[in-house]
């Protein structure tokens, strides 16, 4: 029975530690300034070359596979 009590105590300590870590991470993330740049601002910035056409083609193929 002592082992079960020790195990519960250990779990409670681990859970408390995870709660503290989560609170720290949450505060860090919520405290970050909002992003000013998003993907919509970069649309059309790639040059029209073989590499960008290939990237577009692969993206279309991936989306087609994901939709099927």
N, C-alpha and C. Protein backbone atom coordinates (compact mmCIF):
# COMPACT_ATOMS: atom_id res chain seq x y z
N UNK A 1 0.82 -1.20 0.00
CA UNK A 1 0.00 0.00 0.00
C UNK A 1 0.86 1.26 0.00
N UNK A 2 2.01 1.20 0.67
CA UNK A 2 2.90 2.35 0.73
C UNK A 2 3.41 2.71 -0.67
N UNK A 3 3.61 1.68 -1.48
CA UNK A 3 4.10 1.91 -2.85
C UNK A 3 3.04 2.66 -3.68
N UNK A 4 1.77 2.32 -3.50
CA UNK A 4 0.69 2.99 -4.22
C UNK A 4 0.60 4.45 -3.79
N UNK A 5 0.75 4.71 -2.48
CA UNK A 5 0.72 6.08 -1.98
C UNK A 5 1.88 6.88 -2.53
N UNK A 6 3.05 6.26 -2.59
CA UNK A 6 4.23 6.93 -3.13
C UNK A 6 4.03 7.21 -4.62
N UNK A 7 3.42 6.27 -5.34
CA UNK A 7 3.18 6.45 -6.76
C UNK A 7 2.20 7.60 -7.01
N UNK A 8 1.15 7.67 -6.20
CA UNK A 8 0.18 8.76 -6.34
C UNK A 8 0.85 10.09 -6.06
N UNK A 9 1.68 10.13 -5.03
CA UNK A 9 2.40 11.35 -4.68
C UNK A 9 3.30 11.77 -5.84
N UNK A 10 3.98 10.80 -6.43
CA UNK A 10 4.86 11.09 -7.57
C UNK A 10 4.06 11.64 -8.75
N UNK A 11 2.91 11.03 -9.00
CA UNK A 11 2.05 11.51 -10.10
C UNK A 11 1.56 12.92 -9.82
N UNK A 12 1.19 13.19 -8.59
CA UNK A 12 0.73 14.53 -8.24
C UNK A 12 1.83 15.56 -8.44
N UNK A 13 3.06 15.21 -8.07
CA UNK A 13 4.19 16.12 -8.26
C UNK A 13 4.46 16.35 -9.74
N UNK A 14 4.41 15.27 -10.52
CA UNK A 14 4.65 15.40 -11.96
C UNK A 14 3.56 16.25 -12.61
N UNK A 15 2.31 16.03 -12.19
CA UNK A 15 1.21 16.80 -12.74
C UNK A 15 1.35 18.28 -12.38
N UNK A 16 1.72 18.56 -11.15
CA UNK A 16 1.91 19.95 -10.72
C UNK A 16 3.02 20.61 -11.53
N UNK A 17 4.09 19.85 -11.79
CA UNK A 17 5.20 20.37 -12.59
C UNK A 17 4.73 20.67 -14.02
N UNK A 18 3.94 19.76 -14.61
CA UNK A 18 3.41 19.98 -15.96
C UNK A 18 2.49 21.19 -15.99
N UNK A 19 1.69 21.37 -14.96
CA UNK A 19 0.82 22.54 -14.91
C UNK A 19 1.63 23.83 -14.88
N UNK A 20 2.72 23.84 -14.11
CA UNK A 20 3.59 25.03 -14.06
C UNK A 20 4.22 25.29 -15.41
N UNK A 21 4.72 24.24 -16.05
CA UNK A 21 5.34 24.39 -17.36
C UNK A 21 4.33 24.90 -18.38
N UNK A 22 3.11 24.36 -18.34
CA UNK A 22 2.07 24.81 -19.27
C UNK A 22 1.74 26.28 -19.02
N UNK A 23 1.65 26.68 -17.76
CA UNK A 23 1.35 28.07 -17.44
C UNK A 23 2.45 28.99 -17.95
N UNK A 24 3.71 28.56 -17.80
CA UNK A 24 4.83 29.36 -18.28
C UNK A 24 4.78 29.49 -19.80
N UNK A 25 4.56 28.38 -20.50
CA UNK A 25 4.50 28.40 -21.96
C UNK A 25 3.32 29.24 -22.45
N UNK A 26 2.19 29.10 -21.78
CA UNK A 26 1.01 29.86 -22.16
C UNK A 26 1.26 31.36 -22.02
N UNK A 27 1.88 31.74 -20.92
CA UNK A 27 2.18 33.15 -20.70
C UNK A 27 3.16 33.66 -21.76
N UNK A 28 4.13 32.82 -22.10
CA UNK A 28 5.12 33.21 -23.11
C UNK A 28 4.46 33.39 -24.48
N UNK A 29 3.61 32.45 -24.86
CA UNK A 29 2.96 32.51 -26.17
C UNK A 29 1.98 33.67 -26.23
N UNK A 30 1.16 33.82 -25.21
CA UNK A 30 0.17 34.89 -25.23
C UNK A 30 0.81 36.26 -25.13
N UNK A 31 2.03 36.31 -24.61
CA UNK A 31 2.72 37.59 -24.49
C UNK A 31 3.46 38.01 -25.74
N UNK A 32 3.49 37.13 -26.74
CA UNK A 32 4.19 37.46 -27.97
C UNK A 32 3.42 38.51 -28.75
N UNK A 33 4.12 39.39 -29.43
CA UNK A 33 3.42 40.37 -30.27
C UNK A 33 2.77 39.66 -31.45
N UNK A 34 1.66 40.16 -31.94
CA UNK A 34 1.00 39.52 -33.08
C UNK A 34 1.88 39.58 -34.33
N UNK A 35 1.75 38.59 -35.16
CA UNK A 35 2.51 38.57 -36.40
C UNK A 35 1.95 39.63 -37.34
N UNK A 36 2.83 40.37 -37.94
CA UNK A 36 2.39 41.42 -38.85
C UNK A 36 2.41 40.95 -40.30
N UNK A 37 3.08 39.84 -40.56
CA UNK A 37 3.19 39.34 -41.92
C UNK A 37 2.49 37.99 -41.99
N UNK A 38 1.69 37.79 -43.01
CA UNK A 38 1.06 36.50 -43.20
C UNK A 38 1.23 36.07 -44.65
N UNK A 39 0.76 34.88 -44.95
CA UNK A 39 1.00 34.30 -46.27
C UNK A 39 0.37 35.14 -47.38
N UNK A 40 -0.71 35.84 -47.07
CA UNK A 40 -1.38 36.62 -48.12
C UNK A 40 -0.51 37.76 -48.63
N UNK A 41 0.42 38.22 -47.81
CA UNK A 41 1.31 39.30 -48.25
C UNK A 41 2.42 38.79 -49.16
N UNK A 42 2.65 37.48 -49.17
CA UNK A 42 3.74 36.93 -49.97
C UNK A 42 3.26 36.29 -51.27
N UNK A 43 1.93 36.20 -51.46
CA UNK A 43 1.41 35.60 -52.69
C UNK A 43 1.90 36.40 -53.88
N UNK A 44 2.42 35.70 -54.87
CA UNK A 44 2.87 36.34 -56.10
C UNK A 44 4.31 36.86 -56.04
N UNK A 45 5.01 36.65 -54.95
CA UNK A 45 6.37 37.16 -54.83
C UNK A 45 7.41 36.23 -55.43
N UNK A 46 7.01 34.97 -55.69
CA UNK A 46 7.97 34.03 -56.26
C UNK A 46 8.12 34.31 -57.75
N UNK A 47 9.30 34.17 -58.28
CA UNK A 47 9.51 34.41 -59.70
C UNK A 47 8.85 33.30 -60.52
N UNK A 48 8.51 33.62 -61.73
CA UNK A 48 7.94 32.62 -62.62
C UNK A 48 9.07 31.87 -63.30
N UNK A 49 9.60 30.89 -62.59
CA UNK A 49 10.66 30.07 -63.15
C UNK A 49 10.30 28.60 -62.96
N UNK A 50 11.16 27.72 -63.41
CA UNK A 50 10.89 26.28 -63.34
C UNK A 50 10.67 25.82 -61.89
N UNK A 51 11.44 26.33 -60.96
CA UNK A 51 11.31 25.93 -59.57
C UNK A 51 9.96 26.32 -58.99
N UNK A 52 9.50 27.54 -59.24
CA UNK A 52 8.21 27.97 -58.71
C UNK A 52 7.06 27.24 -59.40
N UNK A 53 7.19 26.98 -60.68
CA UNK A 53 6.15 26.20 -61.38
C UNK A 53 6.09 24.78 -60.83
N UNK A 54 7.24 24.20 -60.55
CA UNK A 54 7.28 22.86 -59.98
C UNK A 54 6.66 22.85 -58.58
N UNK A 55 6.94 23.86 -57.79
CA UNK A 55 6.35 23.96 -56.45
C UNK A 55 4.84 24.07 -56.54
N UNK A 56 4.34 24.87 -57.48
CA UNK A 56 2.90 25.02 -57.66
C UNK A 56 2.27 23.71 -58.10
N UNK A 57 2.92 23.01 -59.02
CA UNK A 57 2.41 21.73 -59.51
C UNK A 57 2.35 20.71 -58.38
N UNK A 58 3.42 20.61 -57.59
CA UNK A 58 3.44 19.67 -56.47
C UNK A 58 2.37 20.02 -55.44
N UNK A 59 2.15 21.30 -55.21
CA UNK A 59 1.11 21.73 -54.28
C UNK A 59 -0.27 21.32 -54.77
N UNK A 60 -0.53 21.50 -56.06
CA UNK A 60 -1.81 21.08 -56.63
C UNK A 60 -2.00 19.58 -56.49
N UNK A 61 -0.94 18.81 -56.82
CA UNK A 61 -1.02 17.35 -56.71
C UNK A 61 -1.29 16.94 -55.27
N UNK A 62 -0.63 17.56 -54.32
CA UNK A 62 -0.82 17.22 -52.90
C UNK A 62 -2.25 17.52 -52.47
N UNK A 63 -2.76 18.69 -52.88
CA UNK A 63 -4.13 19.05 -52.51
C UNK A 63 -5.13 18.09 -53.15
N UNK A 64 -4.89 17.69 -54.41
CA UNK A 64 -5.78 16.75 -55.08
C UNK A 64 -5.80 15.41 -54.33
N UNK A 65 -4.64 14.95 -53.90
CA UNK A 65 -4.57 13.69 -53.15
C UNK A 65 -5.28 13.83 -51.81
N UNK A 66 -5.14 14.96 -51.16
CA UNK A 66 -5.77 15.18 -49.86
C UNK A 66 -7.28 15.24 -49.98
N UNK A 67 -7.80 15.72 -51.11
CA UNK A 67 -9.24 15.85 -51.30
C UNK A 67 -9.89 14.56 -51.74
N UNK A 68 -9.12 13.58 -52.15
CA UNK A 68 -9.69 12.30 -52.62
C UNK A 68 -9.67 11.27 -51.55
